[in-house]
Amino acid sequence: MIGGLVATLAGSAWARTAVRHGVTALAILLFLLTLRRSGERTGRLAEQLETMERVHDAQRQMLEAAARRPRSRDDLAERLCDGRF
């Protein structure tokens, strides 16, 4: 009896249409979930890039400051006397 019911449902146009729509809905749902996951990953990568840019900028500023520092005590004294420090 159950086998006959399954055969009848599988053979009906309504059941085929319902299955087709169900599979389509499932495919769309999976696509949207994948898209959301990809967006989250992209957001994390963008945040990581922004953090790295800030760190590199701070390092560059420190290197530039180190390049401008007085090389010896005499250079420091000269700068202080000239008022350039």
PDB file of N, CA and C in Angstrom:
ATOM      1  N   MET A   1       0.820  -1.193   0.000  1.00  0.00           N
ATOM      2  CA  MET A   1       0.000   0.000   0.000  1.00  0.00           C
ATOM      3  C   MET A   1       0.870   1.265   0.000  1.00  0.00           C
ATOM      4  N   ILE A   2       1.904   1.269   0.822  1.00  0.00           N
ATOM      5  CA  ILE A   2       2.783   2.439   0.869  1.00  0.00           C
ATOM      6  C   ILE A   2       3.563   2.550  -0.436  1.00  0.00           C
ATOM      7  N   GLY A   3       4.022   1.410  -0.957  1.00  0.00           N
ATOM      8  CA  GLY A   3       4.753   1.423  -2.215  1.00  0.00           C
ATOM      9  C   GLY A   3       3.906   1.979  -3.346  1.00  0.00           C
ATOM     10  N   GLY A   4       2.625   1.637  -3.349  1.00  0.00           N
ATOM     11  CA  GLY A   4       1.729   2.167  -4.375  1.00  0.00           C
ATOM     12  C   GLY A   4       1.537   3.658  -4.236  1.00  0.00           C
ATOM     13  N   LEU A   5       1.476   4.130  -2.980  1.00  0.00           N
ATOM     14  CA  LEU A   5       1.314   5.565  -2.724  1.00  0.00           C
ATOM     15  C   LEU A   5       2.548   6.340  -3.204  1.00  0.00           C
ATOM     16  N   VAL A   6       3.734   5.787  -2.915  1.00  0.00           N
ATOM     17  CA  VAL A   6       4.971   6.433  -3.350  1.00  0.00           C
ATOM     18  C   VAL A   6       5.050   6.454  -4.869  1.00  0.00           C
ATOM     19  N   ALA A   7       4.675   5.366  -5.489  1.00  0.00           N
ATOM     20  CA  ALA A   7       4.706   5.305  -6.954  1.00  0.00           C
ATOM     21  C   ALA A   7       3.718   6.299  -7.546  1.00  0.00           C
ATOM     22  N   THR A   8       2.570   6.438  -6.914  1.00  0.00           N
ATOM     23  CA  THR A   8       1.566   7.387  -7.405  1.00  0.00           C
ATOM     24  C   THR A   8       2.066   8.823  -7.261  1.00  0.00           C
ATOM     25  N   LEU A   9       2.665   9.146  -6.087  1.00  0.00           N
ATOM     26  CA  LEU A   9       3.170  10.509  -5.872  1.00  0.00           C
ATOM     27  C   LEU A   9       4.339  10.817  -6.801  1.00  0.00           C
ATOM     28  N   ALA A  10       5.215   9.841  -6.999  1.00  0.00           N
ATOM     29  CA  ALA A  10       6.365  10.046  -7.863  1.00  0.00           C
ATOM     30  C   ALA A  10       5.945  10.239  -9.309  1.00  0.00           C
ATOM     31  N   GLY A  11       4.832   9.666  -9.670  1.00  0.00           N
ATOM     32  CA  GLY A  11       4.380   9.762 -11.047  1.00  0.00           C
ATOM     33  C   GLY A  11       3.525  10.983 -11.315  1.00  0.00           C
ATOM     34  N   SER A  12       3.042  11.649 -10.258  1.00  0.00           N
ATOM     35  CA  SER A  12       2.136  12.775 -10.491  1.00  0.00           C
ATOM     36  C   SER A  12       2.935  14.035 -10.843  1.00  0.00           C
ATOM     37  N   ALA A  13       2.327  14.856 -11.654  1.00  0.00           N
ATOM     38  CA  ALA A  13       2.967  16.101 -12.090  1.00  0.00           C
ATOM     39  C   ALA A  13       3.129  17.064 -10.910  1.00  0.00           C
ATOM     40  N   TRP A  14       2.161  17.046 -10.012  1.00  0.00           N
ATOM     41  CA  TRP A  14       2.221  17.929  -8.847  1.00  0.00           C
ATOM     42  C   TRP A  14       3.420  17.580  -7.976  1.00  0.00           C
ATOM     43  N   ALA A  15       3.658  16.310  -7.744  1.00  0.00           N
ATOM     44  CA  ALA A  15       4.776  15.873  -6.905  1.00  0.00           C
ATOM     45  C   ALA A  15       6.108  16.219  -7.571  1.00  0.00           C
ATOM     46  N   ARG A  16       6.221  16.022  -8.868  1.00  0.00           N
ATOM     47  CA  ARG A  16       7.459  16.379  -9.566  1.00  0.00           C
ATOM     48  C   ARG A  16       7.726  17.879  -9.481  1.00  0.00           C
ATOM     49  N   THR A  17       6.679  18.666  -9.619  1.00  0.00           N
ATOM     50  CA  THR A  17       6.819  20.120  -9.520  1.00  0.00           C
ATOM     51  C   THR A  17       7.243  20.519  -8.110  1.00  0.00           C
ATOM     52  N   ALA A  18       6.637  19.876  -7.101  1.00  0.00           N
ATOM     53  CA  ALA A  18       6.984  20.185  -5.710  1.00  0.00           C
ATOM     54  C   ALA A  18       8.441  19.828  -5.434  1.00  0.00           C
ATOM     55  N   VAL A  19       8.884  18.690  -5.914  1.00  0.00           N
ATOM     56  CA  VAL A  19      10.275  18.280  -5.718  1.00  0.00           C
ATOM     57  C   VAL A  19      11.219  19.245  -6.440  1.00  0.00           C
ATOM     58  N   ARG A  20      10.867  19.624  -7.646  1.00  0.00           N
ATOM     59  CA  ARG A  20      11.691  20.558  -8.406  1.00  0.00           C
ATOM     60  C   ARG A  20      11.824  21.894  -7.666  1.00  0.00           C
ATOM     61  N   HIS A  21      10.719  22.404  -7.152  1.00  0.00           N
ATOM     62  CA  HIS A  21      10.763  23.669  -6.408  1.00  0.00           C
ATOM     63  C   HIS A  21      11.542  23.514  -5.103  1.00  0.00           C
ATOM     64  N   GLY A  22      11.394  22.382  -4.466  1.00  0.00           N
ATOM     65  CA  GLY A  22      12.133  22.126  -3.231  1.00  0.00           C
ATOM     66  C   GLY A  22      13.630  22.089  -3.470  1.00  0.00           C
ATOM     67  N   VAL A  23      14.041  21.420  -4.529  1.00  0.00           N
ATOM     68  CA  VAL A  23      15.468  21.349  -4.858  1.00  0.00           C
ATOM     69  C   VAL A  23      15.991  22.738  -5.229  1.00  0.00           C
ATOM     70  N   THR A  24      15.210  23.501  -5.962  1.00  0.00           N
ATOM     71  CA  THR A  24      15.608  24.864  -6.327  1.00  0.00           C
ATOM     72  C   THR A  24      15.757  25.734  -5.079  1.00  0.00           C
ATOM     73  N   ALA A  25      14.796  25.628  -4.158  1.00  0.00           N
ATOM     74  CA  ALA A  25      14.857  26.411  -2.921  1.00  0.00           C
ATOM     75  C   ALA A  25      16.083  26.012  -2.104  1.00  0.00           C
ATOM     76  N   LEU A  26      16.365  24.728  -2.038  1.00  0.00           N
ATOM     77  CA  LEU A  26      17.545  24.261  -1.307  1.00  0.00           C
ATOM     78  C   LEU A  26      18.833  24.800  -1.938  1.00  0.00           C
ATOM     79  N   ALA A  27      18.902  24.787  -3.257  1.00  0.00           N
ATOM     80  CA  ALA A  27      20.090  25.302  -3.947  1.00  0.00           C
ATOM     81  C   ALA A  27      20.275  26.793  -3.672  1.00  0.00           C
ATOM     82  N   ILE A  28      19.187  27.552  -3.696  1.00  0.00           N
ATOM     83  CA  ILE A  28      19.258  28.993  -3.418  1.00  0.00           C
ATOM     84  C   ILE A  28      19.690  29.229  -1.978  1.00  0.00           C
ATOM     85  N   LEU A  29      19.154  28.449  -1.047  1.00  0.00           N
ATOM     86  CA  LEU A  29      19.518  28.581   0.355  1.00  0.00           C
ATOM     87  C   LEU A  29      21.012  28.301   0.562  1.00  0.00           C
ATOM     88  N   LEU A  30      21.503  27.248  -0.043  1.00  0.00           N
ATOM     89  CA  LEU A  30      22.921  26.924   0.077  1.00  0.00           C
ATOM     90  C   LEU A  30      23.796  28.018  -0.541  1.00  0.00           C
ATOM     91  N   PHE A  31      23.356  28.569  -1.670  1.00  0.00           N
ATOM     92  CA  PHE A  31      24.098  29.659  -2.313  1.00  0.00           C
ATOM     93  C   PHE A  31      24.162  30.873  -1.398  1.00  0.00           C
ATOM     94  N   LEU A  32      23.040  31.232  -0.771  1.00  0.00           N
ATOM     95  CA  LEU A  32      23.011  32.392   0.110  1.00  0.00           C
ATOM     96  C   LEU A  32      23.882  32.180   1.345  1.00  0.00           C
ATOM     97  N   LEU A  33      23.873  30.975   1.892  1.00  0.00           N
ATOM     98  CA  LEU A  33      24.721  30.684   3.041  1.00  0.00           C
ATOM     99  C   LEU A  33      26.202  30.779   2.673  1.00  0.00           C
ATOM    100  N   THR A  34      26.542  30.289   1.499  1.00  0.00           N
ATOM    101  CA  THR A  34      27.924  30.376   1.031  1.00  0.00           C
ATOM    102  C   THR A  34      28.320  31.832   0.801  1.00  0.00           C
ATOM    103  N   LEU A  35      27.418  32.602   0.238  1.00  0.00           N
ATOM    104  CA  LEU A  35      27.682  34.023  -0.007  1.00  0.00           C
ATOM    105  C   LEU A  35      27.896  34.764   1.307  1.00  0.00           C
ATOM    106  N   ARG A  36      27.090  34.462   2.319  1.00  0.00           N
ATOM    107  CA  ARG A  36      27.224  35.094   3.631  1.00  0.00           C
ATOM    108  C   ARG A  36      28.571  34.741   4.253  1.00  0.00           C
ATOM    109  N   ARG A  37      28.930  33.497   4.162  1.00  0.00           N
ATOM    110  CA  ARG A  37      30.201  33.042   4.715  1.00  0.00           C
ATOM    111  C   ARG A  37      31.376  33.743   4.022  1.00  0.00           C
ATOM    112  N   SER A  38      31.273  33.875   2.714  1.00  0.00           N
ATOM    113  CA  SER A  38      32.314  34.545   1.946  1.00  0.00           C
ATOM    114  C   SER A  38      32.411  36.019   2.348  1.00  0.00           C
ATOM    115  N   GLY A  39      31.280  36.646   2.560  1.00  0.00           N
ATOM    116  CA  GLY A  39      31.260  38.044   2.989  1.00  0.00           C
ATOM    117  C   GLY A  39      31.890  38.230   4.361  1.00  0.00           C
ATOM    118  N   GLU A  40      31.619  37.312   5.274  1.00  0.00           N
ATOM    119  CA  GLU A  40      32.223  37.393   6.600  1.00  0.00           C
ATOM    120  C   GLU A  40      33.739  37.258   6.498  1.00  0.00           C
ATOM    121  N   ARG A  41      34.190  36.333   5.668  1.00  0.00           N
ATOM    122  CA  ARG A  41      35.633  36.123   5.501  1.00  0.00           C
ATOM    123  C   ARG A  41      36.280  37.367   4.889  1.00  0.00           C
ATOM    124  N   THR A  42      35.609  37.945   3.906  1.00  0.00           N
ATOM    125  CA  THR A  42      36.131  39.163   3.280  1.00  0.00           C
ATOM    126  C   THR A  42      36.222  40.297   4.298  1.00  0.00           C
ATOM    127  N   GLY A  43      35.221  40.399   5.161  1.00  0.00           N
ATOM    128  CA  GLY A  43      35.239  41.436   6.194  1.00  0.00           C
ATOM    129  C   GLY A  43      36.391  41.253   7.169  1.00  0.00           C
ATOM    130  N   ARG A  44      36.635  40.007   7.564  1.00  0.00           N
ATOM    131  CA  ARG A  44      37.759  39.738   8.470  1.00  0.00           C
ATOM    132  C   ARG A  44      39.084  40.078   7.800  1.00  0.00           C
ATOM    133  N   LEU A  45      39.222  39.726   6.526  1.00  0.00           N
ATOM    134  CA  LEU A  45      40.464  40.030   5.807  1.00  0.00           C
ATOM    135  C   LEU A  45      40.666  41.537   5.662  1.00  0.00           C
ATOM    136  N   ALA A  46      39.585  42.274   5.415  1.00  0.00           N
ATOM    137  CA  ALA A  46      39.686  43.733   5.293  1.00  0.00           C
ATOM    138  C   ALA A  46      40.106  44.349   6.624  1.00  0.00           C
ATOM    139  N   GLU A  47      39.546  43.832   7.715  1.00  0.00           N
ATOM    140  CA  GLU A  47      39.919  44.335   9.037  1.00  0.00           C
ATOM    141  C   GLU A  47      41.382  44.029   9.335  1.00  0.00           C
ATOM    142  N   GLN A  48      41.832  42.841   8.973  1.00  0.00           N
ATOM    143  CA  GLN A  48      43.225  42.456   9.183  1.00  0.00           C
ATOM    144  C   GLN A  48      44.162  43.355   8.361  1.00  0.00           C
ATOM    145  N   LEU A  49      43.769  43.647   7.129  1.00  0.00           N
ATOM    146  CA  LEU A  49      44.576  44.529   6.277  1.00  0.00           C
ATOM    147  C   LEU A  49      44.669  45.929   6.877  1.00  0.00           C
ATOM    148  N   GLU A  50      43.562  46.435   7.382  1.00  0.00           N
ATOM    149  CA  GLU A  50      43.555  47.767   7.988  1.00  0.00           C
ATOM    150  C   GLU A  50      44.471  47.803   9.212  1.00  0.00           C
ATOM    151  N   THR A  51      44.439  46.765  10.017  1.00  0.00           N
ATOM    152  CA  THR A  51      45.308  46.691  11.189  1.00  0.00           C
ATOM    153  C   THR A  51      46.771  46.655  10.778  1.00  0.00           C
ATOM    154  N   MET A  52      47.078  45.864   9.764  1.00  0.00           N
ATOM    155  CA  MET A  52      48.455  45.781   9.280  1.00  0.00           C
ATOM    156  C   MET A  52      48.932  47.120   8.738  1.00  0.00           C
ATOM    157  N   GLU A  53      48.069  47.849   8.050  1.00  0.00           N
ATOM    158  CA  GLU A  53      48.440  49.157   7.515  1.00  0.00           C
ATOM    159  C   GLU A  53      48.762  50.131   8.642  1.00  0.00           C
ATOM    160  N   ARG A  54      47.960  50.090   9.733  1.00  0.00           N
ATOM    161  CA  ARG A  54      48.230  50.974  10.871  1.00  0.00           C
ATOM    162  C   ARG A  54      49.561  50.624  11.535  1.00  0.00           C
ATOM    163  N   VAL A  55      49.844  49.343  11.671  1.00  0.00           N
ATOM    164  CA  VAL A  55      51.101  48.905  12.279  1.00  0.00           C
ATOM    165  C   VAL A  55      52.280  49.338  11.417  1.00  0.00           C
ATOM    166  N   HIS A  56      52.176  49.151  10.107  1.00  0.00           N
ATOM    167  CA  HIS A  56      53.263  49.540   9.208  1.00  0.00           C
ATOM    168  C   HIS A  56      53.478  51.054   9.211  1.00  0.00           C
ATOM    169  N   ASP A  57      52.395  51.802   9.316  1.00  0.00           N
ATOM    170  CA  ASP A  57      52.522  53.259   9.368  1.00  0.00           C
ATOM    171  C   ASP A  57      53.254  53.682  10.633  1.00  0.00           C
ATOM    172  N   ALA A  58      52.916  53.065  11.758  1.00  0.00           N
ATOM    173  CA  ALA A  58      53.597  53.387  13.014  1.00  0.00           C
ATOM    174  C   ALA A  58      55.073  53.010  12.938  1.00  0.00           C
ATOM    175  N   GLN A  59      55.373  51.867  12.364  1.00  0.00           N
ATOM    176  CA  GLN A  59      56.773  51.452  12.215  1.00  0.00           C
ATOM    177  C   GLN A  59      57.547  52.406  11.305  1.00  0.00           C
ATOM    178  N   ARG A  60      56.906  52.831  10.224  1.00  0.00           N
ATOM    179  CA  ARG A  60      57.558  53.773   9.311  1.00  0.00           C
ATOM    180  C   ARG A  60      57.864  55.083  10.030  1.00  0.00           C
ATOM    181  N   GLN A  61      56.915  55.563  10.831  1.00  0.00           N
ATOM    182  CA  GLN A  61      57.135  56.810  11.572  1.00  0.00           C
ATOM    183  C   GLN A  61      58.285  56.663  12.563  1.00  0.00           C
ATOM    184  N   MET A  62      58.370  55.501  13.215  1.00  0.00           N
ATOM    185  CA  MET A  62      59.470  55.276  14.159  1.00  0.00           C
ATOM    186  C   MET A  62      60.817  55.234  13.435  1.00  0.00           C
ATOM    187  N   LEU A  63      60.840  54.596  12.263  1.00  0.00           N
ATOM    188  CA  LEU A  63      62.083  54.544  11.496  1.00  0.00           C
ATOM    189  C   LEU A  63      62.503  55.927  11.012  1.00  0.00           C
ATOM    190  N   GLU A  64      61.540  56.732  10.575  1.00  0.00           N
ATOM    191  CA  GLU A  64      61.857  58.094  10.140  1.00  0.00           C
ATOM    192  C   GLU A  64      62.378  58.924  11.303  1.00  0.00           C
ATOM    193  N   ALA A  65      61.780  58.750  12.489  1.00  0.00           N
ATOM    194  CA  ALA A  65      62.253  59.487  13.664  1.00  0.00           C
ATOM    195  C   ALA A  65      63.666  59.042  14.044  1.00  0.00           C
ATOM    196  N   ALA A  66      63.934  57.747  13.929  1.00  0.00           N
ATOM    197  CA  ALA A  66      65.276  57.240  14.253  1.00  0.00           C
ATOM    198  C   ALA A  66      66.301  57.766  13.262  1.00  0.00           C
ATOM    199  N   ALA A  67      65.896  57.953  12.021  1.00  0.00           N
ATOM    200  CA  ALA A  67      66.828  58.462  11.009  1.00  0.00           C
ATOM    201  C   ALA A  67      67.176  59.932  11.259  1.00  0.00           C
ATOM    202  N   ARG A  68      66.282  60.664  11.902  1.00  0.00           N
ATOM    203  CA  ARG A  68      66.514  62.092  12.163  1.00  0.00           C
ATOM    204  C   ARG A  68      67.198  62.360  13.502  1.00  0.00           C
ATOM    205  N   ARG A  69      67.426  61.334  14.294  1.00  0.00           N
ATOM    206  CA  ARG A  69      67.985  61.546  15.639  1.00  0.00           C
ATOM    207  C   ARG A  69      69.447  61.991  15.552  1.00  0.00           C
ATOM    208  N   PRO A  70      69.906  62.649  16.584  1.00  0.00           N
ATOM    209  CA  PRO A  70      71.318  63.042  16.621  1.00  0.00           C
ATOM    210  C   PRO A  70      72.211  61.802  16.706  1.00  0.00           C
ATOM    211  N   ARG A  71      73.328  61.821  16.010  1.00  0.00           N
ATOM    212  CA  ARG A  71      74.202  60.653  15.940  1.00  0.00           C
ATOM    213  C   ARG A  71      75.137  60.539  17.144  1.00  0.00           C
ATOM    214  N   SER A  72      75.447  61.676  17.767  1.00  0.00           N
ATOM    215  CA  SER A  72      76.368  61.652  18.901  1.00  0.00           C
ATOM    216  C   SER A  72      75.952  62.719  19.904  1.00  0.00           C
ATOM    217  N   ARG A  73      76.668  62.742  21.029  1.00  0.00           N
ATOM    218  CA  ARG A  73      76.380  63.761  22.042  1.00  0.00           C
ATOM    219  C   ARG A  73      76.717  65.149  21.504  1.00  0.00           C
ATOM    220  N   ASP A  74      77.732  65.193  20.697  1.00  0.00           N
ATOM    221  CA  ASP A  74      78.114  66.496  20.127  1.00  0.00           C
ATOM    222  C   ASP A  74      77.015  67.022  19.197  1.00  0.00           C
ATOM    223  N   ASP A  75      76.447  66.124  18.385  1.00  0.00           N
ATOM    224  CA  ASP A  75      75.336  66.525  17.507  1.00  0.00           C
ATOM    225  C   ASP A  75      74.146  66.997  18.332  1.00  0.00           C
ATOM    226  N   LEU A  76      73.877  66.297  19.423  1.00  0.00           N
ATOM    227  CA  LEU A  76      72.769  66.686  20.300  1.00  0.00           C
ATOM    228  C   LEU A  76      73.022  68.062  20.907  1.00  0.00           C
ATOM    229  N   ALA A  77      74.225  68.268  21.391  1.00  0.00           N
ATOM    230  CA  ALA A  77      74.569  69.564  22.000  1.00  0.00           C
ATOM    231  C   ALA A  77      74.459  70.677  20.962  1.00  0.00           C
ATOM    232  N   GLU A  78      74.910  70.397  19.749  1.00  0.00           N
ATOM    233  CA  GLU A  78      74.829  71.401  18.686  1.00  0.00           C
ATOM    234  C   GLU A  78      73.378  71.745  18.356  1.00  0.00           C
ATOM    235  N   ARG A  79      72.553  70.735  18.292  1.00  0.00           N
ATOM    236  CA  ARG A  79      71.124  70.987  18.019  1.00  0.00           C
ATOM    237  C   ARG A  79      70.490  71.795  19.134  1.00  0.00           C
ATOM    238  N   LEU A  80      70.817  71.466  20.372  1.00  0.00           N
ATOM    239  CA  LEU A  80      70.221  72.206  21.500  1.00  0.00           C
ATOM    240  C   LEU A  80      70.691  73.649  21.495  1.00  0.00           C
ATOM    241  N   CYS A  81      71.942  73.865  21.173  1.00  0.00           N
ATOM    242  CA  CYS A  81      72.439  75.244  21.129  1.00  0.00           C
ATOM    243  C   CYS A  81      71.805  76.047  19.985  1.00  0.00           C
ATOM    244  N   ASP A  82      71.580  75.389  18.853  1.00  0.00           N
ATOM    245  CA  ASP A  82      70.963  76.068  17.710  1.00  0.00           C
ATOM    246  C   ASP A  82      69.461  76.215  17.853  1.00  0.00           C
ATOM    247  N   GLY A  83      68.870  75.489  18.782  1.00  0.00           N
ATOM    248  CA  GLY A  83      67.431  75.527  18.978  1.00  0.00           C
ATOM    249  C   GLY A  83      66.662  74.723  17.958  1.00  0.00           C
ATOM    250  N   ARG A  84      67.330  73.757  17.336  1.00  0.00           N
ATOM    251  CA  ARG A  84      66.672  72.949  16.317  1.00  0.00           C
ATOM    252  C   ARG A  84      66.042  71.671  16.884  1.00  0.00           C
ATOM    253  N   PHE A  85      66.238  71.413  18.167  1.00  0.00           N
ATOM    254  CA  PHE A  85      65.788  70.135  18.708  1.00  0.00           C
ATOM    255  C   PHE A  85      64.355  70.185  19.163  1.00  0.00           C
TER     256      PHE A  85
END
